């Protein structure tokens, strides 16, 4: 099913506007939300195929997990799905097409953020200021382009997040030291022909070299869609929400 055939009405539709640029986002509040409370918040960054301005497509993958009664009761959290503009990208990565349709990803280690990432970082600041957020329990995750954005957000805001997960993404290994202290669960399909799993293997290896202990799951037969398997992992959310920023 897609975001158009499922009932995602519990995710409120909102927009964040900064200097004429708009970032649509959907926000799911805990049941019986108390504006004076203290809730964990999870930001989820979608993949390239869900870019746009309809404020719906970004819910295609992952959103239904947070609507199940058991999850809502066990993990009362604020869950936010922003939508990247169609002409932008969550991360600063140069993508070059190669022979046979393959692509090479060249991740940057510095420079100004993309329009999408800049808007996301401003949205995050807005949410942390205006919602009932426990600032020791801020989490981020994403898939594909969104996993690349997850790594970039960790690099740019290394003191913000309590834990993160990244599904079939990648980053420059020189960036890893900036977020090696953040608990990470990395997923990838070993048969991925869109984003090579070597990117995730390299991040895991660098984290270990730096003394970190990342969780990682590589699915031997999965292609690019390793997110269905990742979202089905029964320990994903218990693991994520168990972390409190030190």
Protein backbone atom coordinates (compact mmCIF):
# COMPACT_ATOMS: atom_id res chain seq x y z
CA UNK A 1 0.00 0.00 0.00
CA UNK A 2 1.03 3.58 -0.49
CA UNK A 3 0.51 6.76 1.44
CA UNK A 4 -2.54 7.39 -0.73
CA UNK A 5 -4.48 4.24 0.17
CA UNK A 6 -3.72 4.03 3.86
CA UNK A 7 -5.32 6.16 6.54
CA UNK A 8 -2.56 8.40 7.80
CA UNK A 9 -4.90 11.07 9.14
CA UNK A 10 -3.44 10.66 12.64
CA UNK A 11 -0.30 12.27 11.20
CA UNK A 12 -1.22 15.96 11.24
CA UNK A 13 -0.29 17.87 8.09
CA UNK A 14 1.83 20.97 8.71
CA UNK A 15 4.29 23.23 6.93
CA UNK A 16 7.48 24.90 8.06
CA UNK A 17 8.28 28.09 6.14
CA UNK A 18 11.57 29.95 6.25
CA UNK A 19 12.36 32.93 4.01
CA UNK A 20 9.97 31.79 1.33
CA UNK A 21 11.07 28.13 1.36
CA UNK A 22 8.53 25.57 2.52
CA UNK A 23 9.15 22.19 4.12
CA UNK A 24 5.97 20.12 4.40
CA UNK A 25 5.89 17.70 7.30
CA UNK A 26 3.56 15.28 9.03
CA UNK A 27 3.58 14.95 12.79
CA UNK A 28 2.14 12.17 14.93
CA UNK A 29 1.53 13.14 18.53
CA UNK A 30 1.26 10.57 21.33
CA UNK A 31 -2.25 9.66 22.39
CA UNK A 32 -3.52 12.07 25.05
CA UNK A 33 -0.67 14.43 24.22
CA UNK A 34 0.09 16.88 27.03
CA UNK A 35 1.65 20.11 25.77
CA UNK A 36 3.31 20.46 29.16
CA UNK A 37 4.70 16.94 29.03
CA UNK A 38 8.11 15.55 28.17
CA UNK A 39 8.19 13.23 25.16
CA UNK A 40 10.85 11.59 23.02
CA UNK A 41 10.85 12.76 19.41
CA UNK A 42 11.82 10.80 16.30
CA UNK A 43 12.60 12.47 12.99
CA UNK A 44 12.39 10.20 9.95
CA UNK A 45 13.94 11.09 6.60
CA UNK A 46 12.45 9.44 3.52
CA UNK A 47 14.11 8.30 0.30
CA UNK A 48 14.53 10.12 -3.03
CA UNK A 49 11.35 8.68 -4.53
CA UNK A 50 9.17 10.37 -1.92
CA UNK A 51 10.35 13.94 -2.55
CA UNK A 52 7.75 16.55 -3.44
CA UNK A 53 5.28 18.96 -1.89
CA UNK A 54 2.13 16.84 -1.52
CA UNK A 55 2.89 16.18 2.17
CA UNK A 56 1.87 12.56 1.71
CA UNK A 57 4.44 10.51 -0.20
CA UNK A 58 6.98 10.71 2.62
CA UNK A 59 4.69 8.47 4.68
CA UNK A 60 4.90 5.63 2.14
CA UNK A 61 7.59 3.70 4.00
CA UNK A 62 7.68 3.37 7.77
CA UNK A 63 4.77 5.53 8.88
CA UNK A 64 2.31 2.68 9.38
CA UNK A 65 4.63 1.14 11.97
CA UNK A 66 4.00 4.07 14.30
CA UNK A 67 0.22 3.81 13.94
CA UNK A 68 -0.08 0.31 15.37
CA UNK A 69 -1.76 0.29 18.77
CA UNK A 70 1.02 -1.68 20.45
CA UNK A 71 3.71 0.76 19.28
CA UNK A 72 1.70 3.83 20.24
CA UNK A 73 1.11 2.44 23.72
CA UNK A 74 4.64 1.13 24.26
CA UNK A 75 6.48 4.12 22.83
CA UNK A 76 4.50 7.35 23.27
CA UNK A 77 6.62 9.66 21.16
CA UNK A 78 6.32 12.58 18.77
CA UNK A 79 7.08 11.21 15.28
CA UNK A 80 7.87 13.59 12.42
CA UNK A 81 8.14 12.87 8.68
CA UNK A 82 9.36 15.94 6.76
CA UNK A 83 9.23 15.95 2.94
CA UNK A 84 12.30 17.01 0.98
CA UNK A 85 11.75 19.34 -2.01
CA UNK A 86 11.79 17.51 -5.33
CA UNK A 87 14.79 19.49 -6.58
CA UNK A 88 16.88 18.93 -3.46
CA UNK A 89 18.45 16.11 -1.47
CA UNK A 90 18.79 15.45 2.24
CA UNK A 91 22.56 15.23 2.03
CA UNK A 92 25.38 16.86 0.12
CA UNK A 93 26.37 13.97 -2.09
CA UNK A 94 27.50 14.01 -5.72
CA UNK A 95 25.92 11.16 -7.67
CA UNK A 96 27.47 10.16 -10.97
CA UNK A 97 25.96 7.61 -13.32
CA UNK A 98 28.25 4.86 -14.54
CA UNK A 99 27.96 2.13 -17.13
CA UNK A 100 25.11 -0.38 -16.89
CA UNK A 101 23.02 2.09 -14.89
CA UNK A 102 25.19 1.92 -11.81
CA UNK A 103 25.87 5.05 -9.79
CA UNK A 104 28.81 6.28 -7.77
CA UNK A 105 28.23 8.32 -4.60
CA UNK A 106 30.75 10.93 -3.53
CA UNK A 107 29.96 12.17 -0.05
CA UNK A 108 31.21 15.56 1.08
CA UNK A 109 32.91 16.31 4.37
CA UNK A 110 32.14 20.04 4.58
CA UNK A 111 30.21 22.86 2.92
CA UNK A 112 26.81 24.39 3.29
CA UNK A 113 23.84 22.03 3.67
CA UNK A 114 21.44 21.40 0.81
CA UNK A 115 18.14 23.28 0.78
CA UNK A 116 16.39 20.19 2.10
CA UNK A 117 18.84 19.65 4.94
CA UNK A 118 18.96 23.36 5.85
CA UNK A 119 15.16 23.43 6.11
CA UNK A 120 15.14 20.21 8.10
CA UNK A 121 17.65 21.55 10.63
CA UNK A 122 15.53 24.67 11.07
CA UNK A 123 12.40 22.55 11.43
CA UNK A 124 14.14 20.47 14.07
CA UNK A 125 15.07 23.59 16.02
CA UNK A 126 11.46 24.79 15.75
CA UNK A 127 10.09 21.46 17.03
CA UNK A 128 12.50 21.29 19.95
CA UNK A 129 11.53 24.81 20.97
CA UNK A 130 7.77 24.58 20.52
CA UNK A 131 6.74 21.01 21.31
CA UNK A 132 6.84 19.07 24.58
CA UNK A 133 10.16 17.40 23.83
CA UNK A 134 12.56 15.59 26.16
CA UNK A 135 15.86 16.92 24.81
CA UNK A 136 17.71 13.87 26.13
CA UNK A 137 15.59 11.60 23.92
CA UNK A 138 15.87 12.94 20.39
CA UNK A 139 16.23 10.32 17.66
CA UNK A 140 16.67 10.24 13.90
CA UNK A 141 16.45 7.61 11.21
CA UNK A 142 16.07 7.32 7.48
CA UNK A 143 16.28 5.14 4.42
CA UNK A 144 18.40 5.48 1.26
CA UNK A 145 18.68 9.24 0.61
CA UNK A 146 17.20 9.68 4.09
CA UNK A 147 19.88 7.47 5.63
CA UNK A 148 22.50 9.65 3.95
CA UNK A 149 20.67 12.62 5.45
CA UNK A 150 20.67 10.90 8.82
CA UNK A 151 24.45 10.65 8.77
CA UNK A 152 24.71 14.27 7.68
CA UNK A 153 22.37 15.46 10.43
CA UNK A 154 24.46 13.50 12.95
CA UNK A 155 27.59 15.15 11.57
CA UNK A 156 26.12 18.64 11.66
CA UNK A 157 24.41 18.27 15.05
CA UNK A 158 26.54 15.71 16.92
CA UNK A 159 25.32 16.78 20.37
CA UNK A 160 21.60 16.54 19.68
CA UNK A 161 20.73 12.89 19.15
CA UNK A 162 20.45 10.06 21.65
CA UNK A 163 20.49 7.31 18.98
CA UNK A 164 19.90 6.80 15.27
CA UNK A 165 19.29 4.19 12.59
CA UNK A 166 20.24 4.24 8.91
CA UNK A 167 18.83 1.93 6.24
CA UNK A 168 20.72 1.42 2.95
CA UNK A 169 22.60 4.71 3.13
CA UNK A 170 26.18 5.91 3.04
CA UNK A 171 28.62 8.60 4.09
CA UNK A 172 32.26 9.60 3.73
CA UNK A 173 34.24 7.65 6.32
CA UNK A 174 36.05 10.85 7.32
CA UNK A 175 32.76 12.09 8.76
CA UNK A 176 32.22 9.10 11.01
CA UNK A 177 34.40 10.32 13.86
CA UNK A 178 31.99 13.24 14.37
CA UNK A 179 29.14 10.93 15.37
CA UNK A 180 30.96 7.81 16.56
CA UNK A 181 29.64 8.50 20.06
CA UNK A 182 26.00 8.21 18.94
CA UNK A 183 24.49 4.69 19.19
CA UNK A 184 23.76 3.58 15.62
CA UNK A 185 21.94 0.65 14.05
CA UNK A 186 22.88 0.25 10.39
CA UNK A 187 20.90 -1.86 7.89
CA UNK A 188 21.63 -2.79 4.27
CA UNK A 189 20.77 -5.42 1.69
CA UNK A 190 23.82 -7.25 0.39
CA UNK A 191 22.31 -7.37 -3.12
CA UNK A 192 21.59 -3.63 -3.24
CA UNK A 193 22.24 -2.38 -6.77
CA UNK A 194 21.14 1.21 -6.07
CA UNK A 195 23.26 2.15 -3.05
CA UNK A 196 26.13 -0.35 -2.72
CA UNK A 197 26.28 -2.10 0.68
CA UNK A 198 30.01 -1.38 0.73
CA UNK A 199 29.09 2.10 1.99
CA UNK A 200 27.47 0.69 5.12
CA UNK A 201 30.23 -1.86 5.61
CA UNK A 202 32.78 0.96 5.49
CA UNK A 203 30.90 2.99 8.11
CA UNK A 204 30.63 -0.02 10.41
CA UNK A 205 34.35 -0.72 10.02
CA UNK A 206 35.25 2.90 10.74
CA UNK A 207 33.00 3.02 13.81
CA UNK A 208 34.68 -0.09 15.14
CA UNK A 209 38.12 1.35 14.40
CA UNK A 210 37.17 4.39 16.44
CA UNK A 211 36.14 2.23 19.38
CA UNK A 212 32.37 2.39 18.90
CA UNK A 213 30.06 -0.62 19.05
CA UNK A 214 27.46 -0.13 16.32
CA UNK A 215 24.60 -2.51 15.72
CA UNK A 216 24.37 -3.65 12.12
CA UNK A 217 22.20 -6.00 10.12
CA UNK A 218 23.04 -6.98 6.55
CA UNK A 219 20.35 -8.97 4.74
CA UNK A 220 22.02 -11.52 2.41
CA UNK A 221 19.25 -11.65 -0.22
CA UNK A 222 17.78 -8.14 0.00
CA UNK A 223 18.21 -5.61 -2.78
CA UNK A 224 17.63 -1.89 -2.23
CA UNK A 225 14.45 -2.46 -0.27
CA UNK A 226 15.96 -3.48 3.03
CA UNK A 227 13.61 -1.14 4.88
CA UNK A 228 10.68 -3.56 5.04
CA UNK A 229 12.91 -6.05 6.82
CA UNK A 230 14.38 -3.33 9.05
CA UNK A 231 10.96 -2.03 10.09
CA UNK A 232 9.95 -5.61 10.87
CA UNK A 233 12.83 -6.05 13.32
CA UNK A 234 11.08 -6.45 16.70
CA UNK A 235 13.98 -4.86 18.56
CA UNK A 236 14.34 -1.75 16.42
CA UNK A 237 12.14 0.61 18.41
CA UNK A 238 12.88 -0.89 21.85
CA UNK A 239 16.58 -0.48 21.06
CA UNK A 240 16.17 3.06 19.72
CA UNK A 241 14.03 4.43 22.53
CA UNK A 242 16.12 2.75 25.22
CA UNK A 243 18.89 5.29 24.66
CA UNK A 244 19.08 8.50 26.64
CA UNK A 245 21.62 11.15 25.69
CA UNK A 246 24.48 11.21 28.14
